[in-house]
Amino acid sequence: MKLQQFIRNIEAKYFKSDLQNICVGDTIKVGVLIQEGDKQRVQPYEGTVIAQHKAGTNTTITVRRIFQGIGVERIFAIHSPCIQNIQILRSAKVRKSKLYYLRNRIGKGTRLKNKITNI
């Protein structure tokens, strides 16, 4: 028990509390900090969240986008110091927790229905 409490105390300082609620099916824009030599820059990566793994500070999201006709997926640890910001652009209505079926679809078949929100 003391070891688990010790680990939680260490992880608490790396935990980002200002994150929005990211769901599967959201189209997001992630700002990733890239280090090239002695220079740093923020590289945007925009795509659809097709999977989410929730595990405290080890929480990850899988983001898929189409680049030059080829599907590209990246896995981001959302509490990593390399992630500068995450912006939700659009939310979609989905009925599955993993959208791996989008890998086999092309063109208009990859579209998701927008979630209707009452504001």
N, C-alpha and C. Protein backbone atom coordinates (compact mmCIF):
# COMPACT_ATOMS: atom_id res chain seq x y z
N MET A 1 0.82 -1.20 0.00
CA MET A 1 0.00 0.00 0.00
C MET A 1 0.86 1.26 0.00
N LYS A 2 1.93 1.26 0.76
CA LYS A 2 2.78 2.44 0.82
C LYS A 2 3.45 2.69 -0.53
N LEU A 3 3.79 1.63 -1.25
CA LEU A 3 4.41 1.78 -2.56
C LEU A 3 3.45 2.41 -3.56
N GLN A 4 2.19 1.99 -3.55
CA GLN A 4 1.19 2.57 -4.45
C GLN A 4 0.97 4.05 -4.15
N GLN A 5 0.92 4.40 -2.90
CA GLN A 5 0.75 5.80 -2.51
C GLN A 5 1.96 6.63 -2.93
N PHE A 6 3.14 6.05 -2.79
CA PHE A 6 4.37 6.72 -3.21
C PHE A 6 4.36 6.98 -4.72
N ILE A 7 3.92 6.00 -5.49
CA ILE A 7 3.84 6.15 -6.96
C ILE A 7 2.81 7.21 -7.33
N ARG A 8 1.66 7.22 -6.66
CA ARG A 8 0.64 8.24 -6.94
C ARG A 8 1.15 9.64 -6.64
N ASN A 9 1.91 9.80 -5.59
CA ASN A 9 2.47 11.12 -5.25
C ASN A 9 3.45 11.61 -6.32
N ILE A 10 4.24 10.70 -6.87
CA ILE A 10 5.18 11.06 -7.92
C ILE A 10 4.43 11.42 -9.20
N GLU A 11 3.41 10.63 -9.56
CA GLU A 11 2.65 10.87 -10.78
C GLU A 11 1.81 12.15 -10.70
N ALA A 12 1.44 12.58 -9.51
CA ALA A 12 0.55 13.73 -9.35
C ALA A 12 1.14 15.02 -9.92
N LYS A 13 2.44 15.19 -9.85
CA LYS A 13 3.02 16.43 -10.37
C LYS A 13 3.09 16.45 -11.90
N TYR A 14 2.97 15.30 -12.57
CA TYR A 14 2.97 15.25 -14.02
C TYR A 14 1.56 15.21 -14.61
N PHE A 15 0.56 15.08 -13.79
CA PHE A 15 -0.83 14.96 -14.24
C PHE A 15 -1.35 16.32 -14.70
N LYS A 16 -1.87 16.39 -15.93
CA LYS A 16 -2.44 17.64 -16.47
C LYS A 16 -3.91 17.70 -16.10
N SER A 17 -4.28 18.74 -15.39
CA SER A 17 -5.67 18.85 -14.94
C SER A 17 -6.51 19.75 -15.85
N ASP A 18 -5.90 20.46 -16.78
CA ASP A 18 -6.62 21.41 -17.62
C ASP A 18 -7.08 20.81 -18.95
N LEU A 19 -7.09 19.50 -19.09
CA LEU A 19 -7.49 18.87 -20.34
C LEU A 19 -9.01 18.82 -20.47
N GLN A 20 -9.48 18.94 -21.71
CA GLN A 20 -10.90 18.78 -21.99
C GLN A 20 -11.23 17.29 -22.00
N ASN A 21 -12.52 16.99 -21.97
CA ASN A 21 -12.96 15.61 -22.00
C ASN A 21 -12.89 15.09 -23.44
N ILE A 22 -11.88 14.29 -23.75
CA ILE A 22 -11.68 13.75 -25.09
C ILE A 22 -12.41 12.42 -25.19
N CYS A 23 -13.20 12.26 -26.26
CA CYS A 23 -13.96 11.03 -26.48
C CYS A 23 -13.57 10.43 -27.81
N VAL A 24 -13.84 9.14 -27.97
CA VAL A 24 -13.63 8.46 -29.24
C VAL A 24 -14.60 9.05 -30.26
N GLY A 25 -14.10 9.36 -31.44
CA GLY A 25 -14.90 9.97 -32.49
C GLY A 25 -14.68 11.47 -32.62
N ASP A 26 -13.98 12.07 -31.68
CA ASP A 26 -13.69 13.50 -31.76
C ASP A 26 -12.61 13.76 -32.79
N THR A 27 -12.73 14.87 -33.49
CA THR A 27 -11.66 15.35 -34.36
C THR A 27 -10.89 16.38 -33.55
N ILE A 28 -9.60 16.13 -33.36
CA ILE A 28 -8.81 16.97 -32.49
C ILE A 28 -7.57 17.49 -33.21
N LYS A 29 -7.00 18.54 -32.65
CA LYS A 29 -5.73 19.09 -33.12
C LYS A 29 -4.78 19.05 -31.94
N VAL A 30 -3.67 18.33 -32.11
CA VAL A 30 -2.69 18.15 -31.04
C VAL A 30 -1.45 18.95 -31.40
N GLY A 31 -0.99 19.76 -30.48
CA GLY A 31 0.27 20.49 -30.66
C GLY A 31 1.38 19.72 -29.99
N VAL A 32 2.31 19.18 -30.80
CA VAL A 32 3.39 18.34 -30.30
C VAL A 32 4.69 19.13 -30.35
N LEU A 33 5.43 19.13 -29.25
CA LEU A 33 6.71 19.83 -29.18
C LEU A 33 7.79 18.96 -29.83
N ILE A 34 8.42 19.50 -30.88
CA ILE A 34 9.46 18.78 -31.61
C ILE A 34 10.79 19.49 -31.38
N GLN A 35 11.82 18.71 -31.05
CA GLN A 35 13.15 19.27 -30.82
C GLN A 35 14.04 18.87 -31.99
N GLU A 36 14.57 19.87 -32.69
CA GLU A 36 15.48 19.64 -33.81
C GLU A 36 16.79 20.35 -33.50
N GLY A 37 17.77 19.60 -33.07
CA GLY A 37 19.04 20.21 -32.67
C GLY A 37 18.84 21.04 -31.41
N ASP A 38 19.15 22.33 -31.50
CA ASP A 38 18.95 23.21 -30.35
C ASP A 38 17.69 24.05 -30.48
N LYS A 39 16.88 23.80 -31.52
CA LYS A 39 15.64 24.54 -31.72
C LYS A 39 14.44 23.69 -31.33
N GLN A 40 13.39 24.36 -30.89
CA GLN A 40 12.13 23.70 -30.57
C GLN A 40 11.01 24.35 -31.36
N ARG A 41 10.05 23.53 -31.78
CA ARG A 41 8.87 24.05 -32.46
C ARG A 41 7.69 23.18 -32.13
N VAL A 42 6.49 23.74 -32.33
CA VAL A 42 5.26 22.99 -32.08
C VAL A 42 4.69 22.55 -33.42
N GLN A 43 4.54 21.25 -33.58
CA GLN A 43 4.01 20.69 -34.82
C GLN A 43 2.56 20.26 -34.59
N PRO A 44 1.62 20.81 -35.37
CA PRO A 44 0.22 20.40 -35.21
C PRO A 44 -0.05 19.06 -35.89
N TYR A 45 -0.91 18.27 -35.28
CA TYR A 45 -1.33 16.99 -35.84
C TYR A 45 -2.84 16.91 -35.65
N GLU A 46 -3.57 16.85 -36.75
CA GLU A 46 -5.03 16.87 -36.70
C GLU A 46 -5.58 15.56 -37.23
N GLY A 47 -6.53 14.98 -36.50
CA GLY A 47 -7.14 13.73 -36.94
C GLY A 47 -8.28 13.32 -36.03
N THR A 48 -8.79 12.12 -36.28
CA THR A 48 -9.91 11.57 -35.53
C THR A 48 -9.41 10.59 -34.48
N VAL A 49 -9.94 10.70 -33.27
CA VAL A 49 -9.58 9.77 -32.19
C VAL A 49 -10.31 8.46 -32.46
N ILE A 50 -9.53 7.37 -32.69
CA ILE A 50 -10.17 6.08 -32.96
C ILE A 50 -10.07 5.14 -31.77
N ALA A 51 -9.23 5.45 -30.79
CA ALA A 51 -9.12 4.59 -29.61
C ALA A 51 -8.60 5.41 -28.44
N GLN A 52 -8.94 4.95 -27.24
CA GLN A 52 -8.49 5.62 -26.03
C GLN A 52 -8.18 4.56 -24.99
N HIS A 53 -7.05 4.74 -24.32
CA HIS A 53 -6.64 3.83 -23.25
C HIS A 53 -6.48 4.66 -22.00
N LYS A 54 -7.36 4.45 -21.02
CA LYS A 54 -7.34 5.25 -19.80
C LYS A 54 -6.58 4.50 -18.71
N ALA A 55 -5.49 5.14 -18.24
CA ALA A 55 -4.67 4.53 -17.20
C ALA A 55 -3.94 5.59 -16.40
N GLY A 56 -4.69 6.55 -15.86
CA GLY A 56 -4.07 7.59 -15.04
C GLY A 56 -3.16 8.48 -15.85
N THR A 57 -1.90 8.59 -15.42
CA THR A 57 -0.96 9.42 -16.18
C THR A 57 -0.47 8.73 -17.44
N ASN A 58 -0.74 7.46 -17.59
CA ASN A 58 -0.36 6.72 -18.79
C ASN A 58 -1.49 6.68 -19.82
N THR A 59 -2.46 7.56 -19.72
CA THR A 59 -3.59 7.60 -20.64
C THR A 59 -3.10 7.96 -22.04
N THR A 60 -3.54 7.19 -23.03
CA THR A 60 -3.14 7.44 -24.41
C THR A 60 -4.36 7.53 -25.31
N ILE A 61 -4.19 8.24 -26.43
CA ILE A 61 -5.21 8.29 -27.46
C ILE A 61 -4.54 7.94 -28.79
N THR A 62 -5.27 7.26 -29.65
CA THR A 62 -4.81 6.94 -30.99
C THR A 62 -5.54 7.85 -31.95
N VAL A 63 -4.78 8.62 -32.72
CA VAL A 63 -5.34 9.60 -33.64
C VAL A 63 -5.02 9.16 -35.07
N ARG A 64 -6.04 9.15 -35.92
CA ARG A 64 -5.88 8.72 -37.32
C ARG A 64 -6.20 9.88 -38.24
N ARG A 65 -5.38 10.03 -39.26
CA ARG A 65 -5.61 11.02 -40.29
C ARG A 65 -5.20 10.45 -41.64
N ILE A 66 -5.69 11.06 -42.70
CA ILE A 66 -5.32 10.64 -44.05
C ILE A 66 -4.31 11.66 -44.57
N PHE A 67 -3.12 11.19 -44.95
CA PHE A 67 -2.07 12.06 -45.47
C PHE A 67 -1.63 11.53 -46.82
N GLN A 68 -1.88 12.30 -47.86
CA GLN A 68 -1.56 11.95 -49.24
C GLN A 68 -2.15 10.60 -49.63
N GLY A 69 -3.40 10.37 -49.22
CA GLY A 69 -4.12 9.15 -49.58
C GLY A 69 -3.78 7.93 -48.76
N ILE A 70 -2.93 8.08 -47.75
CA ILE A 70 -2.52 6.96 -46.91
C ILE A 70 -2.93 7.25 -45.48
N GLY A 71 -3.52 6.28 -44.79
CA GLY A 71 -3.91 6.45 -43.40
C GLY A 71 -2.71 6.40 -42.48
N VAL A 72 -2.59 7.40 -41.62
CA VAL A 72 -1.48 7.49 -40.67
C VAL A 72 -2.06 7.57 -39.27
N GLU A 73 -1.56 6.74 -38.37
CA GLU A 73 -2.03 6.74 -36.98
C GLU A 73 -0.86 7.03 -36.06
N ARG A 74 -1.13 7.84 -35.04
CA ARG A 74 -0.15 8.13 -34.01
C ARG A 74 -0.79 7.94 -32.65
N ILE A 75 -0.01 7.46 -31.72
CA ILE A 75 -0.47 7.28 -30.35
C ILE A 75 0.18 8.36 -29.50
N PHE A 76 -0.64 9.11 -28.78
CA PHE A 76 -0.16 10.20 -27.94
C PHE A 76 -0.45 9.88 -26.48
N ALA A 77 0.55 10.06 -25.62
CA ALA A 77 0.34 10.03 -24.17
C ALA A 77 -0.08 11.45 -23.78
N ILE A 78 -1.33 11.64 -23.38
CA ILE A 78 -1.86 12.99 -23.24
C ILE A 78 -1.25 13.75 -22.06
N HIS A 79 -0.64 13.07 -21.10
CA HIS A 79 -0.01 13.75 -19.97
C HIS A 79 1.49 13.95 -20.18
N SER A 80 1.97 13.66 -21.38
CA SER A 80 3.39 13.83 -21.69
C SER A 80 3.75 15.32 -21.75
N PRO A 81 4.95 15.68 -21.31
CA PRO A 81 5.36 17.08 -21.42
C PRO A 81 5.57 17.53 -22.87
N CYS A 82 5.67 16.60 -23.81
CA CYS A 82 5.82 16.95 -25.23
C CYS A 82 4.51 17.44 -25.84
N ILE A 83 3.39 17.16 -25.23
CA ILE A 83 2.09 17.60 -25.73
C ILE A 83 1.83 19.01 -25.18
N GLN A 84 1.80 19.99 -26.08
CA GLN A 84 1.59 21.37 -25.66
C GLN A 84 0.12 21.68 -25.43
N ASN A 85 -0.73 21.29 -26.39
CA ASN A 85 -2.16 21.56 -26.24
C ASN A 85 -2.95 20.55 -27.06
N ILE A 86 -4.18 20.34 -26.65
CA ILE A 86 -5.13 19.50 -27.37
C ILE A 86 -6.40 20.30 -27.52
N GLN A 87 -6.83 20.47 -28.77
CA GLN A 87 -8.01 21.27 -29.07
C GLN A 87 -9.03 20.38 -29.77
N ILE A 88 -10.24 20.32 -29.24
CA ILE A 88 -11.31 19.53 -29.86
C ILE A 88 -12.00 20.40 -30.91
N LEU A 89 -11.96 19.95 -32.16
CA LEU A 89 -12.55 20.70 -33.25
C LEU A 89 -14.00 20.29 -33.51
N ARG A 90 -14.28 18.98 -33.41
CA ARG A 90 -15.61 18.47 -33.74
C ARG A 90 -15.84 17.17 -32.97
N SER A 91 -17.06 16.93 -32.56
CA SER A 91 -17.41 15.69 -31.88
C SER A 91 -18.38 14.90 -32.74
N ALA A 92 -18.23 13.59 -32.73
CA ALA A 92 -19.08 12.73 -33.55
C ALA A 92 -19.83 11.76 -32.66
N LYS A 93 -20.99 11.34 -33.16
CA LYS A 93 -21.81 10.37 -32.46
C LYS A 93 -21.36 8.98 -32.88
N VAL A 94 -20.81 8.22 -31.95
CA VAL A 94 -20.33 6.87 -32.24
C VAL A 94 -20.93 5.90 -31.23
N ARG A 95 -20.99 4.63 -31.64
CA ARG A 95 -21.57 3.60 -30.78
C ARG A 95 -20.55 2.56 -30.36
N LYS A 96 -19.32 2.75 -30.72
CA LYS A 96 -18.26 1.80 -30.37
C LYS A 96 -17.16 2.53 -29.62
N SER A 97 -16.41 1.79 -28.82
CA SER A 97 -15.31 2.41 -28.08
C SER A 97 -14.01 2.38 -28.87
N LYS A 98 -13.91 1.56 -29.88
CA LYS A 98 -12.74 1.51 -30.76
C LYS A 98 -13.23 1.59 -32.20
N LEU A 99 -12.72 2.54 -32.96
CA LEU A 99 -13.17 2.75 -34.33
C LEU A 99 -12.17 2.17 -35.33
N TYR A 100 -11.71 0.95 -35.08
CA TYR A 100 -10.73 0.33 -35.96
C TYR A 100 -11.31 0.00 -37.33
N TYR A 101 -12.63 -0.04 -37.45
CA TYR A 101 -13.25 -0.33 -38.75
C TYR A 101 -12.98 0.78 -39.76
N LEU A 102 -12.60 1.97 -39.30
CA LEU A 102 -12.28 3.07 -40.22
C LEU A 102 -11.03 2.78 -41.04
N ARG A 103 -10.20 1.85 -40.59
CA ARG A 103 -8.99 1.50 -41.33
C ARG A 103 -9.32 0.87 -42.68
N ASN A 104 -10.44 0.18 -42.78
CA ASN A 104 -10.81 -0.51 -44.01
C ASN A 104 -11.66 0.34 -44.94
N ARG A 105 -11.97 1.56 -44.57
CA ARG A 105 -12.84 2.41 -45.37
C ARG A 105 -12.05 3.55 -45.99
N ILE A 106 -12.55 4.00 -47.14
CA ILE A 106 -11.89 5.10 -47.83
C ILE A 106 -12.94 6.12 -48.25
N GLY A 107 -12.51 7.34 -48.48
CA GLY A 107 -13.38 8.39 -48.99
C GLY A 107 -14.51 8.74 -48.06
N LYS A 108 -15.73 8.80 -48.62
CA LYS A 108 -16.89 9.21 -47.84
C LYS A 108 -17.29 8.17 -46.79
N GLY A 109 -16.81 6.95 -46.92
CA GLY A 109 -17.13 5.91 -45.94
C GLY A 109 -16.52 6.16 -44.59
N THR A 110 -15.57 7.08 -44.50
CA THR A 110 -14.92 7.36 -43.21
C THR A 110 -15.58 8.50 -42.46
N ARG A 111 -16.65 9.07 -43.02
CA ARG A 111 -17.31 10.19 -42.34
C ARG A 111 -18.11 9.69 -41.13
N LEU A 112 -18.13 10.49 -40.10
CA LEU A 112 -18.89 10.19 -38.89
C LEU A 112 -19.96 11.27 -38.71
N LYS A 113 -21.10 10.89 -38.13
CA LYS A 113 -22.18 11.87 -37.90
C LYS A 113 -21.81 12.78 -36.74
N ASN A 114 -22.07 14.07 -36.93
CA ASN A 114 -21.77 15.05 -35.87
C ASN A 114 -22.71 14.85 -34.69
N LYS A 115 -22.17 15.09 -33.51
CA LYS A 115 -22.94 15.00 -32.28
C LYS A 115 -23.71 16.30 -32.11
N ILE A 116 -24.99 16.21 -31.83
CA ILE A 116 -25.81 17.40 -31.63
C ILE A 116 -25.75 17.76 -30.15
N THR A 117 -25.31 18.99 -29.88
CA THR A 117 -25.22 19.45 -28.50
C THR A 117 -26.16 20.60 -28.29
N ASN A 118 -26.83 20.61 -27.18
CA ASN A 118 -27.74 21.71 -26.82
C ASN A 118 -26.98 22.70 -25.95
N ILE A 119 -26.80 23.89 -26.48
CA ILE A 119 -26.05 24.91 -25.73
C ILE A 119 -27.00 25.98 -25.23
